[in-house]
Amino acid sequence: MPALWIAHVTVTDEEAYKKYAAGATVAIADHGGTFIARGGRFVQLEGKERPRNVVARFADVETAERCYHSPAYQAALEFAKGASERELMIIETTE
């Protein structure tokens, strides 16, 4: 089943986060991930609002997890640490 990688982010250091985004984009693409939403308009109805929201689609949960744990993504993630507050989840779709 396909899976979605969903991130809710508040960026606190734009320059460092740009480096994260560049590396993460490559890592996600290398694992067959495609972006569905990336920082677009949103309406927060419940919970903590984060101004940047990203959704990527992967072939399955396992592929999304492999992407997260890959050396390329982990290297990119170093730039996000201290440059953002974020939540990230992978969820299997019903499609």
PDB file of N, CA and C in Angstrom:
ATOM      1  N   MET A   1       0.841  -1.181   0.000  1.00  0.00           N
ATOM      2  CA  MET A   1       0.000   0.000   0.000  1.00  0.00           C
ATOM      3  C   MET A   1       0.887   1.246   0.000  1.00  0.00           C
ATOM      4  N   PRO A   2       0.499   2.273  -0.752  1.00  0.00           N
ATOM      5  CA  PRO A   2       1.253   3.531  -0.719  1.00  0.00           C
ATOM      6  C   PRO A   2       1.260   4.132   0.688  1.00  0.00           C
ATOM      7  N   ALA A   3       2.226   4.988   0.921  1.00  0.00           N
ATOM      8  CA  ALA A   3       2.351   5.630   2.223  1.00  0.00           C
ATOM      9  C   ALA A   3       2.635   7.112   2.033  1.00  0.00           C
ATOM     10  N   LEU A   4       2.212   7.899   3.010  1.00  0.00           N
ATOM     11  CA  LEU A   4       2.459   9.339   3.004  1.00  0.00           C
ATOM     12  C   LEU A   4       3.427   9.683   4.123  1.00  0.00           C
ATOM     13  N   TRP A   5       4.359  10.552   3.793  1.00  0.00           N
ATOM     14  CA  TRP A   5       5.331  11.108   4.747  1.00  0.00           C
ATOM     15  C   TRP A   5       4.793  12.503   5.014  1.00  0.00           C
ATOM     16  N   ILE A   6       4.413  12.786   6.250  1.00  0.00           N
ATOM     17  CA  ILE A   6       3.767  14.051   6.589  1.00  0.00           C
ATOM     18  C   ILE A   6       4.602  14.777   7.627  1.00  0.00           C
ATOM     19  N   ALA A   7       5.021  15.988   7.298  1.00  0.00           N
ATOM     20  CA  ALA A   7       5.832  16.796   8.208  1.00  0.00           C
ATOM     21  C   ALA A   7       5.129  18.113   8.493  1.00  0.00           C
ATOM     22  N   HIS A   8       5.141  18.501   9.752  1.00  0.00           N
ATOM     23  CA  HIS A   8       4.628  19.804  10.192  1.00  0.00           C
ATOM     24  C   HIS A   8       5.816  20.523  10.813  1.00  0.00           C
ATOM     25  N   VAL A   9       6.149  21.718  10.297  1.00  0.00           N
ATOM     26  CA  VAL A   9       7.425  22.344  10.644  1.00  0.00           C
ATOM     27  C   VAL A   9       7.279  23.832  10.951  1.00  0.00           C
ATOM     28  N   THR A  10       8.004  24.270  11.972  1.00  0.00           N
ATOM     29  CA  THR A  10       8.249  25.681  12.219  1.00  0.00           C
ATOM     30  C   THR A  10       9.745  25.889  12.029  1.00  0.00           C
ATOM     31  N   VAL A  11      10.112  26.676  11.049  1.00  0.00           N
ATOM     32  CA  VAL A  11      11.518  26.934  10.751  1.00  0.00           C
ATOM     33  C   VAL A  11      12.004  28.079  11.640  1.00  0.00           C
ATOM     34  N   THR A  12      13.147  27.868  12.306  1.00  0.00           N
ATOM     35  CA  THR A  12      13.725  28.897  13.167  1.00  0.00           C
ATOM     36  C   THR A  12      15.033  29.463  12.616  1.00  0.00           C
ATOM     37  N   ASP A  13      15.621  28.791  11.623  1.00  0.00           N
ATOM     38  CA  ASP A  13      16.851  29.251  10.965  1.00  0.00           C
ATOM     39  C   ASP A  13      16.721  28.948   9.480  1.00  0.00           C
ATOM     40  N   GLU A  14      16.310  29.948   8.708  1.00  0.00           N
ATOM     41  CA  GLU A  14      16.019  29.767   7.282  1.00  0.00           C
ATOM     42  C   GLU A  14      17.220  29.246   6.495  1.00  0.00           C
ATOM     43  N   GLU A  15      18.407  29.789   6.734  1.00  0.00           N
ATOM     44  CA  GLU A  15      19.586  29.393   5.958  1.00  0.00           C
ATOM     45  C   GLU A  15      19.941  27.922   6.181  1.00  0.00           C
ATOM     46  N   ALA A  16      19.966  27.501   7.415  1.00  0.00           N
ATOM     47  CA  ALA A  16      20.266  26.100   7.707  1.00  0.00           C
ATOM     48  C   ALA A  16      19.165  25.195   7.154  1.00  0.00           C
ATOM     49  N   TYR A  17      17.928  25.627   7.270  1.00  0.00           N
ATOM     50  CA  TYR A  17      16.825  24.791   6.814  1.00  0.00           C
ATOM     51  C   TYR A  17      16.822  24.635   5.295  1.00  0.00           C
ATOM     52  N   LYS A  18      17.289  25.635   4.579  1.00  0.00           N
ATOM     53  CA  LYS A  18      17.408  25.511   3.115  1.00  0.00           C
ATOM     54  C   LYS A  18      18.361  24.382   2.758  1.00  0.00           C
ATOM     55  N   LYS A  19      19.442  24.236   3.524  1.00  0.00           N
ATOM     56  CA  LYS A  19      20.393  23.149   3.281  1.00  0.00           C
ATOM     57  C   LYS A  19      19.735  21.805   3.563  1.00  0.00           C
ATOM     58  N   TYR A  20      18.944  21.740   4.633  1.00  0.00           N
ATOM     59  CA  TYR A  20      18.188  20.514   4.909  1.00  0.00           C
ATOM     60  C   TYR A  20      17.263  20.187   3.746  1.00  0.00           C
ATOM     61  N   ALA A  21      16.483  21.180   3.299  1.00  0.00           N
ATOM     62  CA  ALA A  21      15.491  20.955   2.249  1.00  0.00           C
ATOM     63  C   ALA A  21      16.143  20.461   0.964  1.00  0.00           C
ATOM     64  N   ALA A  22      17.293  21.016   0.626  1.00  0.00           N
ATOM     65  CA  ALA A  22      17.988  20.587  -0.596  1.00  0.00           C
ATOM     66  C   ALA A  22      18.397  19.124  -0.500  1.00  0.00           C
ATOM     67  N   GLY A  23      18.993  18.737   0.610  1.00  0.00           N
ATOM     68  CA  GLY A  23      19.414  17.354   0.779  1.00  0.00           C
ATOM     69  C   GLY A  23      18.253  16.391   0.921  1.00  0.00           C
ATOM     70  N   ALA A  24      17.221  16.805   1.644  1.00  0.00           N
ATOM     71  CA  ALA A  24      16.046  15.951   1.830  1.00  0.00           C
ATOM     72  C   ALA A  24      15.327  15.716   0.512  1.00  0.00           C
ATOM     73  N   THR A  25      15.264  16.732  -0.325  1.00  0.00           N
ATOM     74  CA  THR A  25      14.610  16.593  -1.630  1.00  0.00           C
ATOM     75  C   THR A  25      15.276  15.500  -2.455  1.00  0.00           C
ATOM     76  N   VAL A  26      16.595  15.493  -2.463  1.00  0.00           N
ATOM     77  CA  VAL A  26      17.341  14.478  -3.210  1.00  0.00           C
ATOM     78  C   VAL A  26      17.108  13.094  -2.609  1.00  0.00           C
ATOM     79  N   ALA A  27      17.192  12.977  -1.288  1.00  0.00           N
ATOM     80  CA  ALA A  27      17.001  11.685  -0.631  1.00  0.00           C
ATOM     81  C   ALA A  27      15.601  11.132  -0.895  1.00  0.00           C
ATOM     82  N   ILE A  28      14.606  11.987  -0.818  1.00  0.00           N
ATOM     83  CA  ILE A  28      13.227  11.551  -1.057  1.00  0.00           C
ATOM     84  C   ILE A  28      13.061  11.090  -2.504  1.00  0.00           C
ATOM     85  N   ALA A  29      13.567  11.854  -3.447  1.00  0.00           N
ATOM     86  CA  ALA A  29      13.483  11.467  -4.864  1.00  0.00           C
ATOM     87  C   ALA A  29      14.231  10.156  -5.116  1.00  0.00           C
ATOM     88  N   ASP A  30      15.392   9.988  -4.484  1.00  0.00           N
ATOM     89  CA  ASP A  30      16.173   8.758  -4.661  1.00  0.00           C
ATOM     90  C   ASP A  30      15.439   7.523  -4.166  1.00  0.00           C
ATOM     91  N   HIS A  31      14.454   7.710  -3.302  1.00  0.00           N
ATOM     92  CA  HIS A  31      13.652   6.595  -2.789  1.00  0.00           C
ATOM     93  C   HIS A  31      12.273   6.536  -3.450  1.00  0.00           C
ATOM     94  N   GLY A  32      12.123   7.240  -4.562  1.00  0.00           N
ATOM     95  CA  GLY A  32      10.871   7.193  -5.316  1.00  0.00           C
ATOM     96  C   GLY A  32       9.768   8.050  -4.739  1.00  0.00           C
ATOM     97  N   GLY A  33      10.086   8.884  -3.766  1.00  0.00           N
ATOM     98  CA  GLY A  33       9.080   9.751  -3.167  1.00  0.00           C
ATOM     99  C   GLY A  33       8.744  10.925  -4.075  1.00  0.00           C
ATOM    100  N   THR A  34       7.491  11.312  -4.066  1.00  0.00           N
ATOM    101  CA  THR A  34       7.043  12.483  -4.828  1.00  0.00           C
ATOM    102  C   THR A  34       6.270  13.404  -3.892  1.00  0.00           C
ATOM    103  N   PHE A  35       6.487  14.693  -4.064  1.00  0.00           N
ATOM    104  CA  PHE A  35       5.815  15.664  -3.204  1.00  0.00           C
ATOM    105  C   PHE A  35       4.386  15.907  -3.683  1.00  0.00           C
ATOM    106  N   ILE A  36       3.451  15.885  -2.739  1.00  0.00           N
ATOM    107  CA  ILE A  36       2.048  16.194  -3.001  1.00  0.00           C
ATOM    108  C   ILE A  36       1.753  17.617  -2.544  1.00  0.00           C
ATOM    109  N   ALA A  37       2.319  17.986  -1.404  1.00  0.00           N
ATOM    110  CA  ALA A  37       2.145  19.336  -0.853  1.00  0.00           C
ATOM    111  C   ALA A  37       3.475  19.739  -0.240  1.00  0.00           C
ATOM    112  N   ARG A  38       3.802  21.011  -0.421  1.00  0.00           N
ATOM    113  CA  ARG A  38       5.091  21.481   0.091  1.00  0.00           C
ATOM    114  C   ARG A  38       4.997  22.962   0.425  1.00  0.00           C
ATOM    115  N   GLY A  39       4.567  23.237   1.661  1.00  0.00           N
ATOM    116  CA  GLY A  39       4.542  24.613   2.127  1.00  0.00           C
ATOM    117  C   GLY A  39       3.412  25.464   1.571  1.00  0.00           C
ATOM    118  N   GLY A  40       2.380  24.859   1.051  1.00  0.00           N
ATOM    119  CA  GLY A  40       1.273  25.618   0.472  1.00  0.00           C
ATOM    120  C   GLY A  40       0.294  26.136   1.521  1.00  0.00           C
ATOM    121  N   ARG A  41      -0.741  26.750   1.032  1.00  0.00           N
ATOM    122  CA  ARG A  41      -1.802  27.309   1.877  1.00  0.00           C
ATOM    123  C   ARG A  41      -2.457  26.191   2.684  1.00  0.00           C
ATOM    124  N   PHE A  42      -2.789  26.479   3.936  1.00  0.00           N
ATOM    125  CA  PHE A  42      -3.454  25.490   4.781  1.00  0.00           C
ATOM    126  C   PHE A  42      -4.385  26.197   5.759  1.00  0.00           C
ATOM    127  N   VAL A  43      -5.283  25.433   6.344  1.00  0.00           N
ATOM    128  CA  VAL A  43      -6.182  25.917   7.387  1.00  0.00           C
ATOM    129  C   VAL A  43      -6.004  24.985   8.580  1.00  0.00           C
ATOM    130  N   GLN A  44      -5.561  25.516   9.699  1.00  0.00           N
ATOM    131  CA  GLN A  44      -5.364  24.723  10.915  1.00  0.00           C
ATOM    132  C   GLN A  44      -6.691  24.666  11.660  1.00  0.00           C
ATOM    133  N   LEU A  45      -7.211  23.480  11.844  1.00  0.00           N
ATOM    134  CA  LEU A  45      -8.493  23.327  12.533  1.00  0.00           C
ATOM    135  C   LEU A  45      -8.323  22.856  13.973  1.00  0.00           C
ATOM    136  N   GLU A  46      -7.306  22.056  14.243  1.00  0.00           N
ATOM    137  CA  GLU A  46      -7.058  21.556  15.589  1.00  0.00           C
ATOM    138  C   GLU A  46      -5.560  21.392  15.788  1.00  0.00           C
ATOM    139  N   GLY A  47      -5.138  21.362  17.044  1.00  0.00           N
ATOM    140  CA  GLY A  47      -3.747  21.092  17.362  1.00  0.00           C
ATOM    141  C   GLY A  47      -2.826  22.282  17.135  1.00  0.00           C
ATOM    142  N   LYS A  48      -1.535  22.015  17.273  1.00  0.00           N
ATOM    143  CA  LYS A  48      -0.517  23.053  17.152  1.00  0.00           C
ATOM    144  C   LYS A  48      -0.302  23.425  15.690  1.00  0.00           C
ATOM    145  N   GLU A  49      -0.387  24.698  15.416  1.00  0.00           N
ATOM    146  CA  GLU A  49      -0.168  25.179  14.052  1.00  0.00           C
ATOM    147  C   GLU A  49       1.327  25.258  13.760  1.00  0.00           C
ATOM    148  N   ARG A  50       1.729  24.744  12.624  1.00  0.00           N
ATOM    149  CA  ARG A  50       3.088  24.859  12.102  1.00  0.00           C
ATOM    150  C   ARG A  50       2.960  25.492  10.718  1.00  0.00           C
ATOM    151  N   PRO A  51       3.720  26.533  10.431  1.00  0.00           N
ATOM    152  CA  PRO A  51       3.527  27.259   9.177  1.00  0.00           C
ATOM    153  C   PRO A  51       3.981  26.528   7.920  1.00  0.00           C
ATOM    154  N   ARG A  52       4.762  25.472   8.057  1.00  0.00           N
ATOM    155  CA  ARG A  52       5.212  24.729   6.872  1.00  0.00           C
ATOM    156  C   ARG A  52       4.756  23.282   7.016  1.00  0.00           C
ATOM    157  N   ASN A  53       4.061  22.811   6.004  1.00  0.00           N
ATOM    158  CA  ASN A  53       3.540  21.449   6.001  1.00  0.00           C
ATOM    159  C   ASN A  53       3.937  20.788   4.697  1.00  0.00           C
ATOM    160  N   VAL A  54       4.446  19.557   4.796  1.00  0.00           N
ATOM    161  CA  VAL A  54       4.949  18.845   3.625  1.00  0.00           C
ATOM    162  C   VAL A  54       4.358  17.445   3.609  1.00  0.00           C
ATOM    163  N   VAL A  55       3.911  17.021   2.431  1.00  0.00           N
ATOM    164  CA  VAL A  55       3.404  15.663   2.247  1.00  0.00           C
ATOM    165  C   VAL A  55       4.085  15.077   1.023  1.00  0.00           C
ATOM    166  N   ALA A  56       4.695  13.896   1.195  1.00  0.00           N
ATOM    167  CA  ALA A  56       5.309  13.170   0.086  1.00  0.00           C
ATOM    168  C   ALA A  56       4.710  11.771   0.037  1.00  0.00           C
ATOM    169  N   ARG A  57       4.567  11.259  -1.167  1.00  0.00           N
ATOM    170  CA  ARG A  57       4.021   9.902  -1.351  1.00  0.00           C
ATOM    171  C   ARG A  57       5.169   8.950  -1.690  1.00  0.00           C
ATOM    172  N   PHE A  58       5.132   7.779  -1.048  1.00  0.00           N
ATOM    173  CA  PHE A  58       6.099   6.712  -1.299  1.00  0.00           C
ATOM    174  C   PHE A  58       5.353   5.443  -1.690  1.00  0.00           C
ATOM    175  N   ALA A  59       6.075   4.480  -2.230  1.00  0.00           N
ATOM    176  CA  ALA A  59       5.464   3.215  -2.654  1.00  0.00           C
ATOM    177  C   ALA A  59       4.841   2.472  -1.473  1.00  0.00           C
ATOM    178  N   ASP A  60       5.485   2.560  -0.305  1.00  0.00           N
ATOM    179  CA  ASP A  60       4.982   1.863   0.879  1.00  0.00           C
ATOM    180  C   ASP A  60       5.684   2.408   2.118  1.00  0.00           C
ATOM    181  N   VAL A  61       5.216   1.981   3.278  1.00  0.00           N
ATOM    182  CA  VAL A  61       5.773   2.450   4.547  1.00  0.00           C
ATOM    183  C   VAL A  61       7.258   2.107   4.646  1.00  0.00           C
ATOM    184  N   GLU A  62       7.613   0.904   4.236  1.00  0.00           N
ATOM    185  CA  GLU A  62       9.001   0.459   4.352  1.00  0.00           C
ATOM    186  C   GLU A  62       9.954   1.328   3.534  1.00  0.00           C
ATOM    187  N   THR A  63       9.536   1.714   2.340  1.00  0.00           N
ATOM    188  CA  THR A  63      10.387   2.572   1.506  1.00  0.00           C
ATOM    189  C   THR A  63      10.549   3.940   2.149  1.00  0.00           C
ATOM    190  N   ALA A  64       9.468   4.482   2.697  1.00  0.00           N
ATOM    191  CA  ALA A  64       9.551   5.780   3.376  1.00  0.00           C
ATOM    192  C   ALA A  64      10.470   5.696   4.584  1.00  0.00           C
ATOM    193  N   GLU A  65      10.394   4.599   5.321  1.00  0.00           N
ATOM    194  CA  GLU A  65      11.294   4.415   6.474  1.00  0.00           C
ATOM    195  C   GLU A  65      12.744   4.284   6.029  1.00  0.00           C
ATOM    196  N   ARG A  66      12.980   3.542   4.945  1.00  0.00           N
ATOM    197  CA  ARG A  66      14.350   3.418   4.428  1.00  0.00           C
ATOM    198  C   ARG A  66      14.893   4.781   4.031  1.00  0.00           C
ATOM    199  N   CYS A  67      14.048   5.605   3.441  1.00  0.00           N
ATOM    200  CA  CYS A  67      14.460   6.959   3.085  1.00  0.00           C
ATOM    201  C   CYS A  67      14.874   7.717   4.331  1.00  0.00           C
ATOM    202  N   TYR A  68      14.051   7.700   5.358  1.00  0.00           N
ATOM    203  CA  TYR A  68      14.342   8.431   6.588  1.00  0.00           C
ATOM    204  C   TYR A  68      15.678   7.998   7.189  1.00  0.00           C
ATOM    205  N   HIS A  69      15.936   6.701   7.197  1.00  0.00           N
ATOM    206  CA  HIS A  69      17.147   6.170   7.826  1.00  0.00           C
ATOM    207  C   HIS A  69      18.354   6.148   6.888  1.00  0.00           C
ATOM    208  N   SER A  70      18.166   6.557   5.638  1.00  0.00           N
ATOM    209  CA  SER A  70      19.275   6.532   4.676  1.00  0.00           C
ATOM    210  C   SER A  70      20.360   7.531   5.072  1.00  0.00           C
ATOM    211  N   PRO A  71      21.596   7.238   4.708  1.00  0.00           N
ATOM    212  CA  PRO A  71      22.685   8.183   4.998  1.00  0.00           C
ATOM    213  C   PRO A  71      22.433   9.572   4.403  1.00  0.00           C
ATOM    214  N   ALA A  72      21.864   9.629   3.216  1.00  0.00           N
ATOM    215  CA  ALA A  72      21.615  10.932   2.575  1.00  0.00           C
ATOM    216  C   ALA A  72      20.608  11.757   3.367  1.00  0.00           C
ATOM    217  N   TYR A  73      19.514  11.126   3.790  1.00  0.00           N
ATOM    218  CA  TYR A  73      18.514  11.878   4.553  1.00  0.00           C
ATOM    219  C   TYR A  73      19.056  12.257   5.921  1.00  0.00           C
ATOM    220  N   GLN A  74      19.752  11.352   6.572  1.00  0.00           N
ATOM    221  CA  GLN A  74      20.293  11.655   7.899  1.00  0.00           C
ATOM    222  C   GLN A  74      21.313  12.795   7.841  1.00  0.00           C
ATOM    223  N   ALA A  75      22.088  12.860   6.763  1.00  0.00           N
ATOM    224  CA  ALA A  75      23.023  13.979   6.587  1.00  0.00           C
ATOM    225  C   ALA A  75      22.257  15.285   6.436  1.00  0.00           C
ATOM    226  N   ALA A  76      21.180  15.265   5.659  1.00  0.00           N
ATOM    227  CA  ALA A  76      20.354  16.468   5.486  1.00  0.00           C
ATOM    228  C   ALA A  76      19.707  16.858   6.807  1.00  0.00           C
ATOM    229  N   LEU A  77      19.257  15.870   7.557  1.00  0.00           N
ATOM    230  CA  LEU A  77      18.549  16.112   8.815  1.00  0.00           C
ATOM    231  C   LEU A  77      19.420  16.869   9.822  1.00  0.00           C
ATOM    232  N   GLU A  78      20.713  16.713   9.746  1.00  0.00           N
ATOM    233  CA  GLU A  78      21.611  17.447  10.637  1.00  0.00           C
ATOM    234  C   GLU A  78      21.411  18.957  10.516  1.00  0.00           C
ATOM    235  N   PHE A  79      21.075  19.436   9.319  1.00  0.00           N
ATOM    236  CA  PHE A  79      20.829  20.868   9.115  1.00  0.00           C
ATOM    237  C   PHE A  79      19.505  21.310   9.729  1.00  0.00           C
ATOM    238  N   ALA A  80      18.538  20.405   9.835  1.00  0.00           N
ATOM    239  CA  ALA A  80      17.232  20.752  10.398  1.00  0.00           C
ATOM    240  C   ALA A  80      17.275  20.817  11.923  1.00  0.00           C
ATOM    241  N   LYS A  81      18.162  20.038  12.524  1.00  0.00           N
ATOM    242  CA  LYS A  81      18.287  20.046  13.983  1.00  0.00           C
ATOM    243  C   LYS A  81      18.776  21.414  14.428  1.00  0.00           C
ATOM    244  N   GLY A  82      18.064  22.017  15.335  1.00  0.00           N
ATOM    245  CA  GLY A  82      18.421  23.351  15.796  1.00  0.00           C
ATOM    246  C   GLY A  82      17.941  24.458  14.872  1.00  0.00           C
ATOM    247  N   ALA A  83      17.420  24.096  13.709  1.00  0.00           N
ATOM    248  CA  ALA A  83      16.921  25.083  12.746  1.00  0.00           C
ATOM    249  C   ALA A  83      15.416  24.985  12.575  1.00  0.00           C
ATOM    250  N   SER A  84      14.787  24.068  13.328  1.00  0.00           N
ATOM    251  CA  SER A  84      13.345  23.877  13.171  1.00  0.00           C
ATOM    252  C   SER A  84      12.772  23.121  14.362  1.00  0.00           C
ATOM    253  N   GLU A  85      11.475  23.261  14.512  1.00  0.00           N
ATOM    254  CA  GLU A  85      10.685  22.423  15.411  1.00  0.00           C
ATOM    255  C   GLU A  85       9.757  21.663  14.485  1.00  0.00           C
ATOM    256  N   ARG A  86       9.652  20.353  14.642  1.00  0.00           N
ATOM    257  CA  ARG A  86       8.913  19.586  13.643  1.00  0.00           C
ATOM    258  C   ARG A  86       8.344  18.287  14.186  1.00  0.00           C
ATOM    259  N   GLU A  87       7.319  17.842  13.534  1.00  0.00           N
ATOM    260  CA  GLU A  87       6.770  16.517  13.741  1.00  0.00           C
ATOM    261  C   GLU A  87       6.802  15.840  12.372  1.00  0.00           C
ATOM    262  N   LEU A  88       7.108  14.557  12.355  1.00  0.00           N
ATOM    263  CA  LEU A  88       7.156  13.799  11.101  1.00  0.00           C
ATOM    264  C   LEU A  88       6.535  12.442  11.333  1.00  0.00           C
ATOM    265  N   MET A  89       5.676  12.023  10.431  1.00  0.00           N
ATOM    266  CA  MET A  89       5.067  10.708  10.532  1.00  0.00           C
ATOM    267  C   MET A  89       4.966  10.090   9.154  1.00  0.00           C
ATOM    268  N   ILE A  90       4.876   8.774   9.132  1.00  0.00           N
ATOM    269  CA  ILE A  90       4.603   8.025   7.911  1.00  0.00           C
ATOM    270  C   ILE A  90       3.300   7.304   8.164  1.00  0.00           C
ATOM    271  N   ILE A  91       2.392   7.386   7.222  1.00  0.00           N
ATOM    272  CA  ILE A  91       1.094   6.738   7.390  1.00  0.00           C
ATOM    273  C   ILE A  91       0.723   6.002   6.099  1.00  0.00           C
ATOM    274  N   GLU A  92       0.282   4.779   6.241  1.00  0.00           N
ATOM    275  CA  GLU A  92      -0.145   3.995   5.092  1.00  0.00           C
ATOM    276  C   GLU A  92      -1.494   4.508   4.603  1.00  0.00           C
ATOM    277  N   THR A  93      -1.654   4.587   3.299  1.00  0.00           N
ATOM    278  CA  THR A  93      -2.921   5.045   2.736  1.00  0.00           C
ATOM    279  C   THR A  93      -3.860   3.847   2.543  1.00  0.00           C
ATOM    280  N   THR A  94      -5.097   4.140   2.215  1.00  0.00           N
ATOM    281  CA  THR A  94      -6.079   3.092   1.960  1.00  0.00           C
ATOM    282  C   THR A  94      -6.222   2.821   0.465  1.00  0.00           C
ATOM    283  N   GLU A  95      -5.427   3.465  -0.343  1.00  0.00           N
ATOM    284  CA  GLU A  95      -5.524   3.292  -1.801  1.00  0.00           C
ATOM    285  C   GLU A  95      -4.785   2.061  -2.259  1.00  0.00           C
TER     286      GLU A  95
END
